[in-house]
Amino acid sequence: MQFDMKRILSPTTAVIPCPVILLSVAGQERPNIITVSWVANVCSRPPTVAVGIRPERHSHELISAAGEFVLNVPTAEQLEATVFCGTKSGRDHDKFEECNLTPLASSQINSPLIAECPINIECRVKETVNLGAHNLVIAEVLAVHIDEALLDSNGNPDLTHLHLFTYIPLTGEYWGLGKPLR
């Protein structure tokens, strides 16, 4: 087997694909939404996630004040809202209103869920670590909400009909996800 030569790139964010998440958080004036892709499950007991957010972002300030947030998994039907929430500041825009998204009350925290997203994950901040351009916000999962229509007769998630998508940081593109491979 012959291998092509590989080119060495400058260090960059090359782990692909990245999740696309709409993070919602309570605020003094109004709740806000930010699109994030630096998100990961980092522990199973207790369920814990980590989110990378730039400290200058409006949502970073809100998360620091609230100590909580919701990770909302959008579908391709929310792509335009996802792009808007990632490119406009909540200091200047009411993203729920401008994107026609519906805030719903969470079960454990004050930050709202996004009704149109099929999966919502309520989180409470445990620790924030400065890494450089981004802070790593580590949070415990308090509750997971999933649309009833996504559950099979045994109550297990069936995500085959969702139009999920991912972010590719190497190109700045969003790609759709297909069917399960196994």
C-alpha atoms as a PDB file:
ATOM      1  CA  MET A   1       0.000   0.000   0.000  1.00  0.00           C
ATOM      2  CA  GLN A   2       1.375   3.402  -0.958  1.00  0.00           C
ATOM      3  CA  PHE A   3       0.741   6.471   1.193  1.00  0.00           C
ATOM      4  CA  ASP A   4       0.748  10.021  -0.099  1.00  0.00           C
ATOM      5  CA  MET A   5       2.958  12.548   1.587  1.00  0.00           C
ATOM      6  CA  LYS A   6       1.356  14.578   4.339  1.00  0.00           C
ATOM      7  CA  ARG A   7       1.643  18.333   4.711  1.00  0.00           C
ATOM      8  CA  ILE A   8       2.259  19.794   8.148  1.00  0.00           C
ATOM      9  CA  LEU A   9      -0.076  22.665   8.992  1.00  0.00           C
ATOM     10  CA  SER A  10       0.374  25.275  11.672  1.00  0.00           C
ATOM     11  CA  PRO A  11      -1.256  24.286  14.950  1.00  0.00           C
ATOM     12  CA  THR A  12      -4.996  24.888  14.633  1.00  0.00           C
ATOM     13  CA  THR A  13      -8.344  23.543  15.780  1.00  0.00           C
ATOM     14  CA  ALA A  14      -8.301  20.422  13.614  1.00  0.00           C
ATOM     15  CA  VAL A  15     -10.439  17.955  15.591  1.00  0.00           C
ATOM     16  CA  ILE A  16     -13.422  17.279  13.353  1.00  0.00           C
ATOM     17  CA  PRO A  17     -16.342  17.108  13.273  1.00  0.00           C
ATOM     18  CA  CYS A  18     -17.446  19.435  16.076  1.00  0.00           C
ATOM     19  CA  PRO A  19     -20.910  19.482  17.622  1.00  0.00           C
ATOM     20  CA  VAL A  20     -23.150  22.438  16.935  1.00  0.00           C
ATOM     21  CA  ILE A  21     -24.884  23.625  20.092  1.00  0.00           C
ATOM     22  CA  LEU A  22     -27.137  26.574  20.877  1.00  0.00           C
ATOM     23  CA  LEU A  23     -26.231  27.495  24.454  1.00  0.00           C
ATOM     24  CA  SER A  24     -28.976  29.442  26.233  1.00  0.00           C
ATOM     25  CA  VAL A  25     -28.436  31.358  29.440  1.00  0.00           C
ATOM     26  CA  ALA A  26     -30.499  33.624  31.682  1.00  0.00           C
ATOM     27  CA  GLY A  27     -29.641  37.324  31.780  1.00  0.00           C
ATOM     28  CA  GLN A  28     -30.565  40.424  33.770  1.00  0.00           C
ATOM     29  CA  GLU A  29     -32.316  42.063  30.793  1.00  0.00           C
ATOM     30  CA  ARG A  30     -33.201  38.978  28.739  1.00  0.00           C
ATOM     31  CA  PRO A  31     -31.937  35.456  28.110  1.00  0.00           C
ATOM     32  CA  ASN A  32     -29.318  34.983  25.422  1.00  0.00           C
ATOM     33  CA  ILE A  33     -28.253  32.308  22.953  1.00  0.00           C
ATOM     34  CA  ILE A  34     -24.739  31.701  21.641  1.00  0.00           C
ATOM     35  CA  THR A  35     -23.676  29.102  19.082  1.00  0.00           C
ATOM     36  CA  VAL A  36     -20.759  26.995  20.340  1.00  0.00           C
ATOM     37  CA  SER A  37     -18.839  24.104  18.850  1.00  0.00           C
ATOM     38  CA  TRP A  38     -16.092  23.645  21.436  1.00  0.00           C
ATOM     39  CA  VAL A  39     -18.321  21.313  23.500  1.00  0.00           C
ATOM     40  CA  ALA A  40     -17.680  17.814  24.856  1.00  0.00           C
ATOM     41  CA  ASN A  41     -18.847  15.164  27.277  1.00  0.00           C
ATOM     42  CA  VAL A  42     -15.982  14.851  29.750  1.00  0.00           C
ATOM     43  CA  CYS A  43     -17.251  12.584  32.532  1.00  0.00           C
ATOM     44  CA  SER A  44     -20.039  10.041  32.933  1.00  0.00           C
ATOM     45  CA  ARG A  45     -20.352   9.968  36.758  1.00  0.00           C
ATOM     46  CA  PRO A  46     -21.473  12.572  37.443  1.00  0.00           C
ATOM     47  CA  PRO A  47     -22.451  13.489  33.884  1.00  0.00           C
ATOM     48  CA  THR A  48     -20.219  16.461  33.073  1.00  0.00           C
ATOM     49  CA  VAL A  49     -19.664  18.588  29.980  1.00  0.00           C
ATOM     50  CA  ALA A  50     -17.078  21.185  29.014  1.00  0.00           C
ATOM     51  CA  VAL A  51     -17.626  24.234  26.827  1.00  0.00           C
ATOM     52  CA  GLY A  52     -14.960  26.563  25.431  1.00  0.00           C
ATOM     53  CA  ILE A  53     -16.088  30.214  25.324  1.00  0.00           C
ATOM     54  CA  ARG A  54     -14.141  33.407  24.716  1.00  0.00           C
ATOM     55  CA  PRO A  55     -14.223  35.633  27.839  1.00  0.00           C
ATOM     56  CA  GLU A  56     -15.183  38.722  25.804  1.00  0.00           C
ATOM     57  CA  ARG A  57     -18.424  37.107  24.644  1.00  0.00           C
ATOM     58  CA  HIS A  58     -21.635  38.445  26.158  1.00  0.00           C
ATOM     59  CA  SER A  59     -22.745  34.902  27.030  1.00  0.00           C
ATOM     60  CA  HIS A  60     -19.534  34.301  28.991  1.00  0.00           C
ATOM     61  CA  GLU A  61     -20.476  37.215  31.249  1.00  0.00           C
ATOM     62  CA  LEU A  62     -24.022  35.864  31.626  1.00  0.00           C
ATOM     63  CA  ILE A  63     -22.806  32.319  32.402  1.00  0.00           C
ATOM     64  CA  SER A  64     -20.412  33.694  35.029  1.00  0.00           C
ATOM     65  CA  ALA A  65     -23.293  35.574  36.694  1.00  0.00           C
ATOM     66  CA  ALA A  66     -25.889  32.797  36.402  1.00  0.00           C
ATOM     67  CA  GLY A  67     -23.624  29.814  37.134  1.00  0.00           C
ATOM     68  CA  GLU A  68     -25.719  27.713  34.750  1.00  0.00           C
ATOM     69  CA  PHE A  69     -26.791  27.257  31.130  1.00  0.00           C
ATOM     70  CA  VAL A  70     -28.631  24.932  28.750  1.00  0.00           C
ATOM     71  CA  LEU A  71     -27.037  23.096  25.820  1.00  0.00           C
ATOM     72  CA  ASN A  72     -29.646  22.855  23.054  1.00  0.00           C
ATOM     73  CA  VAL A  73     -29.057  20.537  20.074  1.00  0.00           C
ATOM     74  CA  PRO A  74     -30.401  22.163  16.893  1.00  0.00           C
ATOM     75  CA  THR A  75     -31.424  20.475  13.652  1.00  0.00           C
ATOM     76  CA  ALA A  76     -30.683  21.620  10.104  1.00  0.00           C
ATOM     77  CA  GLU A  77     -34.044  23.407  10.168  1.00  0.00           C
ATOM     78  CA  GLN A  78     -32.464  25.839  12.662  1.00  0.00           C
ATOM     79  CA  LEU A  79     -29.280  26.425  10.617  1.00  0.00           C
ATOM     80  CA  GLU A  80     -30.000  30.094   9.882  1.00  0.00           C
ATOM     81  CA  ALA A  81     -30.822  30.773  13.540  1.00  0.00           C
ATOM     82  CA  THR A  82     -27.636  28.922  14.501  1.00  0.00           C
ATOM     83  CA  VAL A  83     -25.516  31.119  12.225  1.00  0.00           C
ATOM     84  CA  PHE A  84     -27.273  34.270  13.501  1.00  0.00           C
ATOM     85  CA  CYS A  85     -26.743  33.302  17.157  1.00  0.00           C
ATOM     86  CA  GLY A  86     -23.059  32.675  16.472  1.00  0.00           C
ATOM     87  CA  THR A  87     -22.379  35.904  14.598  1.00  0.00           C
ATOM     88  CA  LYS A  88     -24.506  38.513  16.413  1.00  0.00           C
ATOM     89  CA  SER A  89     -24.057  39.714  19.981  1.00  0.00           C
ATOM     90  CA  GLY A  90     -26.800  39.354  22.561  1.00  0.00           C
ATOM     91  CA  ARG A  91     -25.775  42.803  23.801  1.00  0.00           C
ATOM     92  CA  ASP A  92     -27.434  44.188  20.667  1.00  0.00           C
ATOM     93  CA  HIS A  93     -29.973  41.517  19.693  1.00  0.00           C
ATOM     94  CA  ASP A  94     -32.816  39.603  21.318  1.00  0.00           C
ATOM     95  CA  LYS A  95     -31.902  36.313  19.670  1.00  0.00           C
ATOM     96  CA  PHE A  96     -34.990  34.419  20.845  1.00  0.00           C
ATOM     97  CA  GLU A  97     -37.249  37.032  19.248  1.00  0.00           C
ATOM     98  CA  GLU A  98     -35.202  37.684  16.107  1.00  0.00           C
ATOM     99  CA  CYS A  99     -34.736  33.967  15.364  1.00  0.00           C
ATOM    100  CA  ASN A 100     -38.340  33.012  16.210  1.00  0.00           C
ATOM    101  CA  LEU A 101     -37.172  30.641  18.938  1.00  0.00           C
ATOM    102  CA  THR A 102     -39.296  29.862  21.970  1.00  0.00           C
ATOM    103  CA  PRO A 103     -37.850  29.963  25.512  1.00  0.00           C
ATOM    104  CA  LEU A 104     -39.228  27.230  27.800  1.00  0.00           C
ATOM    105  CA  ALA A 105     -38.764  26.927  31.536  1.00  0.00           C
ATOM    106  CA  SER A 106     -36.090  24.475  32.620  1.00  0.00           C
ATOM    107  CA  SER A 107     -36.765  21.921  35.351  1.00  0.00           C
ATOM    108  CA  GLN A 108     -33.661  22.509  37.520  1.00  0.00           C
ATOM    109  CA  ILE A 109     -32.265  25.967  36.640  1.00  0.00           C
ATOM    110  CA  ASN A 110     -33.389  29.467  35.628  1.00  0.00           C
ATOM    111  CA  SER A 111     -31.859  29.520  32.138  1.00  0.00           C
ATOM    112  CA  PRO A 112     -34.421  28.655  29.440  1.00  0.00           C
ATOM    113  CA  LEU A 113     -34.544  25.696  27.075  1.00  0.00           C
ATOM    114  CA  ILE A 114     -35.086  26.319  23.356  1.00  0.00           C
ATOM    115  CA  ALA A 115     -38.413  24.634  22.477  1.00  0.00           C
ATOM    116  CA  GLU A 116     -37.517  24.069  18.819  1.00  0.00           C
ATOM    117  CA  CYS A 117     -34.387  22.050  19.675  1.00  0.00           C
ATOM    118  CA  PRO A 118     -35.130  18.319  20.103  1.00  0.00           C
ATOM    119  CA  ILE A 119     -32.573  17.793  22.884  1.00  0.00           C
ATOM    120  CA  ASN A 120     -31.893  20.158  25.797  1.00  0.00           C
ATOM    121  CA  ILE A 121     -29.301  19.630  28.532  1.00  0.00           C
ATOM    122  CA  GLU A 122     -29.523  21.639  31.756  1.00  0.00           C
ATOM    123  CA  CYS A 123     -26.104  22.352  33.284  1.00  0.00           C
ATOM    124  CA  ARG A 124     -24.678  23.924  36.448  1.00  0.00           C
ATOM    125  CA  VAL A 125     -21.160  25.368  36.319  1.00  0.00           C
ATOM    126  CA  LYS A 126     -18.602  23.605  38.507  1.00  0.00           C
ATOM    127  CA  GLU A 127     -15.406  25.329  37.397  1.00  0.00           C
ATOM    128  CA  THR A 128     -13.995  27.726  34.811  1.00  0.00           C
ATOM    129  CA  VAL A 129     -10.406  27.403  33.609  1.00  0.00           C
ATOM    130  CA  ASN A 130      -8.587  30.042  31.556  1.00  0.00           C
ATOM    131  CA  LEU A 131      -6.866  28.372  28.591  1.00  0.00           C
ATOM    132  CA  GLY A 132      -5.857  31.423  26.541  1.00  0.00           C
ATOM    133  CA  ALA A 133      -8.271  32.740  23.912  1.00  0.00           C
ATOM    134  CA  HIS A 134     -11.043  30.629  25.458  1.00  0.00           C
ATOM    135  CA  ASN A 135     -12.118  29.720  28.960  1.00  0.00           C
ATOM    136  CA  LEU A 136     -13.146  26.137  29.577  1.00  0.00           C
ATOM    137  CA  VAL A 137     -16.444  26.033  31.460  1.00  0.00           C
ATOM    138  CA  ILE A 138     -16.935  22.674  33.162  1.00  0.00           C
ATOM    139  CA  ALA A 139     -20.512  21.932  34.179  1.00  0.00           C
ATOM    140  CA  GLU A 140     -22.523  19.106  35.685  1.00  0.00           C
ATOM    141  CA  VAL A 141     -25.549  17.868  33.751  1.00  0.00           C
ATOM    142  CA  LEU A 142     -28.660  18.221  35.915  1.00  0.00           C
ATOM    143  CA  ALA A 143     -31.379  17.175  33.452  1.00  0.00           C
ATOM    144  CA  VAL A 144     -31.773  16.061  29.850  1.00  0.00           C
ATOM    145  CA  HIS A 145     -34.952  16.760  27.868  1.00  0.00           C
ATOM    146  CA  ILE A 146     -35.738  14.943  24.612  1.00  0.00           C
ATOM    147  CA  ASP A 147     -38.766  15.309  22.359  1.00  0.00           C
ATOM    148  CA  GLU A 148     -41.217  12.447  22.903  1.00  0.00           C
ATOM    149  CA  ALA A 149     -41.427  11.933  19.113  1.00  0.00           C
ATOM    150  CA  LEU A 150     -37.767  10.830  19.158  1.00  0.00           C
ATOM    151  CA  LEU A 151     -38.365   7.925  21.541  1.00  0.00           C
ATOM    152  CA  ASP A 152     -39.099   4.440  20.267  1.00  0.00           C
ATOM    153  CA  SER A 153     -41.659   2.098  21.858  1.00  0.00           C
ATOM    154  CA  ASN A 154     -39.063   1.083  24.483  1.00  0.00           C
ATOM    155  CA  GLY A 155     -38.325   4.703  25.421  1.00  0.00           C
ATOM    156  CA  ASN A 156     -34.910   4.696  23.720  1.00  0.00           C
ATOM    157  CA  PRO A 157     -33.842   7.638  21.540  1.00  0.00           C
ATOM    158  CA  ASP A 158     -34.247   7.083  17.802  1.00  0.00           C
ATOM    159  CA  LEU A 159     -32.364   9.912  16.123  1.00  0.00           C
ATOM    160  CA  THR A 160     -32.515   8.557  12.563  1.00  0.00           C
ATOM    161  CA  HIS A 161     -35.068  11.135  11.433  1.00  0.00           C
ATOM    162  CA  LEU A 162     -33.322  14.157  12.914  1.00  0.00           C
ATOM    163  CA  HIS A 163     -31.446  16.389  10.522  1.00  0.00           C
ATOM    164  CA  LEU A 164     -28.410  16.917  12.744  1.00  0.00           C
ATOM    165  CA  PHE A 165     -25.387  18.800  11.515  1.00  0.00           C
ATOM    166  CA  THR A 166     -21.817  19.491  12.511  1.00  0.00           C
ATOM    167  CA  TYR A 167     -19.215  22.242  12.229  1.00  0.00           C
ATOM    168  CA  ILE A 168     -15.883  21.783  10.449  1.00  0.00           C
ATOM    169  CA  PRO A 169     -13.408  24.318  11.931  1.00  0.00           C
ATOM    170  CA  LEU A 170     -10.796  23.644   9.237  1.00  0.00           C
ATOM    171  CA  THR A 171     -13.127  25.119   6.587  1.00  0.00           C
ATOM    172  CA  GLY A 172     -15.732  27.067   8.587  1.00  0.00           C
ATOM    173  CA  GLU A 173     -18.516  24.970   7.013  1.00  0.00           C
ATOM    174  CA  TYR A 174     -21.554  23.225   8.425  1.00  0.00           C
ATOM    175  CA  TRP A 175     -22.094  19.635   7.211  1.00  0.00           C
ATOM    176  CA  GLY A 176     -25.147  17.435   7.569  1.00  0.00           C
ATOM    177  CA  LEU A 177     -24.923  14.097   9.346  1.00  0.00           C
ATOM    178  CA  GLY A 178     -26.232  10.960   7.679  1.00  0.00           C
ATOM    179  CA  LYS A 179     -27.450   7.618   8.853  1.00  0.00           C
ATOM    180  CA  PRO A 180     -25.882   5.478  11.579  1.00  0.00           C
ATOM    181  CA  LEU A 181     -23.018   3.279  10.369  1.00  0.00           C
ATOM    182  CA  ARG A 182     -23.488   0.588  12.942  1.00  0.00           C
END
